[in-house]
Amino acid sequence: MPKKYVVFFKSIGRKWFIFLILAIAIVAFVGYYRYNTLEPAIVITVISLILFVLSYIPNLYFNRKLLKLMKKYYRIEDKTVAQLMDRSLYKVKEIMFDFSKKQVKKKKWQFWWKNKKWLIAYLTTTNQYIYYHEQTVERFKELYNKGYGDKEILGNLKDYELSSNSEIKIIIDTLINYKKISDREISVKERRKEERFKNI
């Protein structure tokens, strides 16, 4: 259980913006009506904006570091990432969730946003986020489009460390959900039929 002073500072941290607005309003009110100037309020506002921007730098640095680490693996789970980075699993899950939302551009006008070639899927059965490298995703899509079934895809991707049929289903659902996969070139049934005729 977290210590009382940690909880106290966290609760203040969540409300800092309200305190800041109140402080600026008080300084502006006193400065204007007593000294006929708004300079102190302007100075506080500028300093606050600078501090606000600077507060994002550590998070951006950590996010880049986390993504760089994940890109070294064909497949990596949130728990492994947390251990390798010596961070809490909760924090890593939070960032991976954020990454998962930003895998594709949501609107047409987001022209600067590039669709990510890697994939982050959430497995409800194990309550975990899993990152899949670009190579894993491309190989997966190739097999899917050629009409391979779940078991066949799993068998062909042993080197990519995929573990179960349920994981294959989640990957397919995630790819479809984010529109990162096209329709199969040939259905599983048709491919199997072709295979049978080849063996006759």
Foldseek 3Di string as FASTA:
>chain_A
DDDPVVVVVVVCVVCVVVVLVVVLVVQQVCCCPPVNDSVVSVVSVVVVVVVVVVVCVVVVVVLVVLVVVLQVAQKDWLVVSCVVVVHDSVVSQVSLVVVQVLQDDPDPVVVVRDHHLKHWFADPVVRIIMTGHSVNSVLLLVCVLQADDLVRSCVVCVVRPDDDSSVNVRSVVSCVVRVVHDDRPDHNVRNVVVVVVVVD
